[in-house]
Amino acid sequence: MMPLQAPPAETAPAPVPPVRAQYGWGYSGASGEGTGTLNLLMEPGSGRLVAELHGLGERLLLLEGDRASGYRLQVPRQKLDQRAATLAELPLPFLPQVASVEALLRLLQLGEGPGVSVLKKDAAGPLKLHWRGRDPQGKDEQVWLNRKRWEGGK
């Protein structure tokens, strides 16, 4: 007779490791044109996001926070310092609107999002992305992202 064994304990899914990414960006819109660097730290499990947009020798945008405590967006040139409970509530200048860190990851890993197209791919996913949309005043704007570095994630 076989001894009784306890059923195997259910294991939680392994947490998704944080993603660190760097992109070169180009922007064209009613407010002008520019180029620079976008640095990202994304943690899908907690919804943590740190995004820094640099250009013209300065930080143009800082977005940081997580799902539990909310998000803060700072755009010094526009004198914007805004907090919100979700990413969807924040106006993201220079970037397509995303509702969550997971949506931002899908945009960057798969090229999924309104107005987003993949211009070039490699084995890791989209290498060059293009977004065409409208600014808060309804004027056309475009952003190009070129992946420079990608660490972590699935």
C-alpha atoms as a PDB file:
ATOM      1  CA  MET A   1       0.000   0.000   0.000  1.00  0.00           C
ATOM      2  CA  MET A   2       1.322   3.420  -1.005  1.00  0.00           C
ATOM      3  CA  PRO A   3       1.558   6.127   1.666  1.00  0.00           C
ATOM      4  CA  LEU A   4      -0.721   9.107   1.155  1.00  0.00           C
ATOM      5  CA  GLN A   5       1.008  12.137  -0.249  1.00  0.00           C
ATOM      6  CA  ALA A   6      -0.099  15.700  -0.010  1.00  0.00           C
ATOM      7  CA  PRO A   7      -1.101  17.193  -3.347  1.00  0.00           C
ATOM      8  CA  PRO A   8       1.564  19.457  -4.839  1.00  0.00           C
ATOM      9  CA  ALA A   9       1.275  23.034  -3.655  1.00  0.00           C
ATOM     10  CA  GLU A  10       0.081  25.477  -6.283  1.00  0.00           C
ATOM     11  CA  THR A  11       2.907  27.686  -7.356  1.00  0.00           C
ATOM     12  CA  ALA A  12       2.425  31.290  -8.223  1.00  0.00           C
ATOM     13  CA  PRO A  13       3.565  32.319 -11.691  1.00  0.00           C
ATOM     14  CA  ALA A  14       7.121  33.567 -11.715  1.00  0.00           C
ATOM     15  CA  PRO A  15       7.250  37.351 -11.519  1.00  0.00           C
ATOM     16  CA  VAL A  16       8.126  39.088 -14.762  1.00  0.00           C
ATOM     17  CA  PRO A  17      11.564  40.641 -14.338  1.00  0.00           C
ATOM     18  CA  PRO A  18      11.895  44.401 -14.748  1.00  0.00           C
ATOM     19  CA  VAL A  19      12.597  45.731 -18.228  1.00  0.00           C
ATOM     20  CA  ARG A  20      15.192  48.396 -18.842  1.00  0.00           C
ATOM     21  CA  ALA A  21      15.140  49.940 -22.286  1.00  0.00           C
ATOM     22  CA  GLN A  22      16.690  52.840 -24.128  1.00  0.00           C
ATOM     23  CA  TYR A  23      15.453  54.364 -27.362  1.00  0.00           C
ATOM     24  CA  GLY A  24      16.601  57.132 -29.618  1.00  0.00           C
ATOM     25  CA  TRP A  25      13.620  59.302 -30.506  1.00  0.00           C
ATOM     26  CA  GLY A  26      12.673  61.844 -33.120  1.00  0.00           C
ATOM     27  CA  TYR A  27       9.670  64.159 -32.910  1.00  0.00           C
ATOM     28  CA  SER A  28       7.871  66.334 -35.419  1.00  0.00           C
ATOM     29  CA  GLY A  29       4.782  68.364 -34.599  1.00  0.00           C
ATOM     30  CA  ALA A  30       3.226  71.800 -34.385  1.00  0.00           C
ATOM     31  CA  SER A  31       5.524  72.691 -31.473  1.00  0.00           C
ATOM     32  CA  GLY A  32       8.649  71.937 -33.520  1.00  0.00           C
ATOM     33  CA  GLU A  33      11.063  69.096 -34.106  1.00  0.00           C
ATOM     34  CA  GLY A  34      13.603  67.355 -31.936  1.00  0.00           C
ATOM     35  CA  THR A  35      15.666  64.291 -31.201  1.00  0.00           C
ATOM     36  CA  GLY A  36      17.019  62.697 -28.067  1.00  0.00           C
ATOM     37  CA  THR A  37      16.954  59.660 -25.810  1.00  0.00           C
ATOM     38  CA  LEU A  38      14.136  57.878 -23.987  1.00  0.00           C
ATOM     39  CA  ASN A  39      15.145  55.758 -20.958  1.00  0.00           C
ATOM     40  CA  LEU A  40      12.608  53.375 -19.433  1.00  0.00           C
ATOM     41  CA  LEU A  41      12.335  51.139 -16.383  1.00  0.00           C
ATOM     42  CA  MET A  42       9.140  49.060 -16.394  1.00  0.00           C
ATOM     43  CA  GLU A  43       8.005  46.508 -13.795  1.00  0.00           C
ATOM     44  CA  PRO A  44       4.785  44.881 -15.026  1.00  0.00           C
ATOM     45  CA  GLY A  45       4.018  43.097 -11.743  1.00  0.00           C
ATOM     46  CA  SER A  46       3.789  46.292  -9.693  1.00  0.00           C
ATOM     47  CA  GLY A  47       3.033  48.685 -12.524  1.00  0.00           C
ATOM     48  CA  ARG A  48       6.189  50.618 -11.660  1.00  0.00           C
ATOM     49  CA  LEU A  49       7.388  52.938 -14.397  1.00  0.00           C
ATOM     50  CA  VAL A  50      10.221  55.408 -14.639  1.00  0.00           C
ATOM     51  CA  ALA A  51      10.489  57.184 -17.998  1.00  0.00           C
ATOM     52  CA  GLU A  52      12.951  59.960 -18.791  1.00  0.00           C
ATOM     53  CA  LEU A  53      12.922  61.806 -22.091  1.00  0.00           C
ATOM     54  CA  HIS A  54      16.098  63.748 -22.821  1.00  0.00           C
ATOM     55  CA  GLY A  55      16.827  66.147 -25.660  1.00  0.00           C
ATOM     56  CA  LEU A  56      18.501  69.467 -26.286  1.00  0.00           C
ATOM     57  CA  GLY A  57      20.905  68.712 -23.425  1.00  0.00           C
ATOM     58  CA  GLU A  58      18.157  68.582 -20.795  1.00  0.00           C
ATOM     59  CA  ARG A  59      15.492  66.321 -19.326  1.00  0.00           C
ATOM     60  CA  LEU A  60      12.268  67.144 -21.154  1.00  0.00           C
ATOM     61  CA  LEU A  61       9.986  64.722 -19.326  1.00  0.00           C
ATOM     62  CA  LEU A  62      10.008  62.591 -16.180  1.00  0.00           C
ATOM     63  CA  LEU A  63       7.239  60.082 -15.522  1.00  0.00           C
ATOM     64  CA  GLU A  64       7.424  57.881 -12.431  1.00  0.00           C
ATOM     65  CA  GLY A  65       5.192  55.887 -10.134  1.00  0.00           C
ATOM     66  CA  ASP A  66       3.412  52.584  -9.718  1.00  0.00           C
ATOM     67  CA  ARG A  67      -0.075  51.099  -9.667  1.00  0.00           C
ATOM     68  CA  ALA A  68      -0.390  51.324  -5.847  1.00  0.00           C
ATOM     69  CA  SER A  69       0.630  54.959  -5.305  1.00  0.00           C
ATOM     70  CA  GLY A  70      -0.160  56.500  -8.691  1.00  0.00           C
ATOM     71  CA  TYR A  71       1.987  58.325 -11.226  1.00  0.00           C
ATOM     72  CA  ARG A  72       3.615  61.726 -11.477  1.00  0.00           C
ATOM     73  CA  LEU A  73       4.385  63.453 -14.786  1.00  0.00           C
ATOM     74  CA  GLN A  74       6.781  66.404 -14.934  1.00  0.00           C
ATOM     75  CA  VAL A  75       7.418  68.402 -18.106  1.00  0.00           C
ATOM     76  CA  PRO A  76       9.556  71.388 -17.017  1.00  0.00           C
ATOM     77  CA  ARG A  77       9.362  73.353 -20.303  1.00  0.00           C
ATOM     78  CA  GLN A  78       5.560  73.266 -20.152  1.00  0.00           C
ATOM     79  CA  LYS A  79       5.534  73.915 -16.375  1.00  0.00           C
ATOM     80  CA  LEU A  80       3.539  70.687 -16.030  1.00  0.00           C
ATOM     81  CA  ASP A  81       3.641  68.732 -12.766  1.00  0.00           C
ATOM     82  CA  GLN A  82       0.642  66.431 -12.608  1.00  0.00           C
ATOM     83  CA  ARG A  83      -0.319  63.366 -10.561  1.00  0.00           C
ATOM     84  CA  ALA A  84      -2.882  60.698 -11.405  1.00  0.00           C
ATOM     85  CA  ALA A  85      -3.962  57.292 -10.130  1.00  0.00           C
ATOM     86  CA  THR A  86      -3.438  55.653 -13.545  1.00  0.00           C
ATOM     87  CA  LEU A  87      -1.314  56.224 -16.631  1.00  0.00           C
ATOM     88  CA  ALA A  88      -4.468  56.601 -18.719  1.00  0.00           C
ATOM     89  CA  GLU A  89      -5.277  59.828 -16.842  1.00  0.00           C
ATOM     90  CA  LEU A  90      -2.002  61.555 -17.750  1.00  0.00           C
ATOM     91  CA  PRO A  91      -1.361  63.473 -20.972  1.00  0.00           C
ATOM     92  CA  LEU A  92       1.845  61.931 -22.329  1.00  0.00           C
ATOM     93  CA  PRO A  93       3.504  64.543 -24.525  1.00  0.00           C
ATOM     94  CA  PHE A  94       5.717  63.073 -27.267  1.00  0.00           C
ATOM     95  CA  LEU A  95       4.296  59.561 -26.658  1.00  0.00           C
ATOM     96  CA  PRO A  96       1.148  57.611 -27.564  1.00  0.00           C
ATOM     97  CA  GLN A  97      -1.375  57.347 -24.741  1.00  0.00           C
ATOM     98  CA  VAL A  98      -1.126  54.060 -22.842  1.00  0.00           C
ATOM     99  CA  ALA A  99      -3.423  52.831 -20.097  1.00  0.00           C
ATOM    100  CA  SER A 100      -0.862  50.772 -18.172  1.00  0.00           C
ATOM    101  CA  VAL A 101       2.728  49.593 -17.979  1.00  0.00           C
ATOM    102  CA  GLU A 102       1.580  46.352 -19.621  1.00  0.00           C
ATOM    103  CA  ALA A 103       0.133  48.339 -22.555  1.00  0.00           C
ATOM    104  CA  LEU A 104       3.415  50.242 -22.882  1.00  0.00           C
ATOM    105  CA  LEU A 105       5.299  46.934 -22.935  1.00  0.00           C
ATOM    106  CA  ARG A 106       2.965  45.581 -25.663  1.00  0.00           C
ATOM    107  CA  LEU A 107       3.572  48.737 -27.674  1.00  0.00           C
ATOM    108  CA  LEU A 108       7.352  48.339 -27.409  1.00  0.00           C
ATOM    109  CA  GLN A 109       7.560  44.521 -27.672  1.00  0.00           C
ATOM    110  CA  LEU A 110       4.901  43.954 -30.341  1.00  0.00           C
ATOM    111  CA  GLY A 111       4.257  47.343 -31.948  1.00  0.00           C
ATOM    112  CA  GLU A 112       0.617  47.251 -30.781  1.00  0.00           C
ATOM    113  CA  GLY A 113      -1.170  50.537 -30.207  1.00  0.00           C
ATOM    114  CA  PRO A 114      -3.335  53.133 -31.962  1.00  0.00           C
ATOM    115  CA  GLY A 115      -1.349  54.932 -34.656  1.00  0.00           C
ATOM    116  CA  VAL A 116       1.763  52.756 -34.089  1.00  0.00           C
ATOM    117  CA  SER A 117       3.543  50.988 -36.932  1.00  0.00           C
ATOM    118  CA  VAL A 118       6.658  48.816 -36.928  1.00  0.00           C
ATOM    119  CA  LEU A 119       9.250  50.012 -39.445  1.00  0.00           C
ATOM    120  CA  LYS A 120      11.944  47.427 -38.711  1.00  0.00           C
ATOM    121  CA  LYS A 121      12.106  44.229 -36.613  1.00  0.00           C
ATOM    122  CA  ASP A 122      14.762  41.870 -35.365  1.00  0.00           C
ATOM    123  CA  ALA A 123      14.562  38.607 -33.389  1.00  0.00           C
ATOM    124  CA  ALA A 124      13.818  40.533 -30.157  1.00  0.00           C
ATOM    125  CA  GLY A 125      10.881  42.495 -31.644  1.00  0.00           C
ATOM    126  CA  PRO A 126      10.378  45.980 -33.072  1.00  0.00           C
ATOM    127  CA  LEU A 127      13.659  47.780 -33.637  1.00  0.00           C
ATOM    128  CA  LYS A 128      12.119  50.923 -35.152  1.00  0.00           C
ATOM    129  CA  LEU A 129       8.636  52.184 -34.338  1.00  0.00           C
ATOM    130  CA  HIS A 130       6.650  55.092 -35.760  1.00  0.00           C
ATOM    131  CA  TRP A 131       3.652  56.741 -34.141  1.00  0.00           C
ATOM    132  CA  ARG A 132       1.362  59.253 -35.786  1.00  0.00           C
ATOM    133  CA  GLY A 133      -1.278  61.013 -33.730  1.00  0.00           C
ATOM    134  CA  ARG A 134      -2.572  64.374 -32.537  1.00  0.00           C
ATOM    135  CA  ASP A 135      -1.374  66.647 -29.775  1.00  0.00           C
ATOM    136  CA  PRO A 136      -3.805  68.029 -27.129  1.00  0.00           C
ATOM    137  CA  GLN A 137      -4.654  70.919 -29.489  1.00  0.00           C
ATOM    138  CA  GLY A 138      -5.610  68.472 -32.261  1.00  0.00           C
ATOM    139  CA  LYS A 139      -2.549  69.135 -34.449  1.00  0.00           C
ATOM    140  CA  ASP A 140      -0.669  66.319 -36.183  1.00  0.00           C
ATOM    141  CA  GLU A 141       2.453  64.958 -34.518  1.00  0.00           C
ATOM    142  CA  GLN A 142       4.808  62.052 -35.169  1.00  0.00           C
ATOM    143  CA  VAL A 143       7.340  60.173 -33.079  1.00  0.00           C
ATOM    144  CA  TRP A 144      10.015  57.728 -34.205  1.00  0.00           C
ATOM    145  CA  LEU A 145      11.598  55.333 -31.698  1.00  0.00           C
ATOM    146  CA  ASN A 146      14.787  53.354 -32.413  1.00  0.00           C
ATOM    147  CA  ARG A 147      15.622  50.671 -29.850  1.00  0.00           C
ATOM    148  CA  LYS A 148      19.195  51.001 -28.564  1.00  0.00           C
ATOM    149  CA  ARG A 149      19.072  48.665 -25.548  1.00  0.00           C
ATOM    150  CA  TRP A 150      16.623  46.142 -24.063  1.00  0.00           C
ATOM    151  CA  GLU A 151      17.258  44.166 -20.863  1.00  0.00           C
ATOM    152  CA  GLY A 152      14.906  41.850 -18.998  1.00  0.00           C
ATOM    153  CA  GLY A 153      11.303  40.943 -19.596  1.00  0.00           C
ATOM    154  CA  LYS A 154      10.089  37.838 -21.349  1.00  0.00           C
END
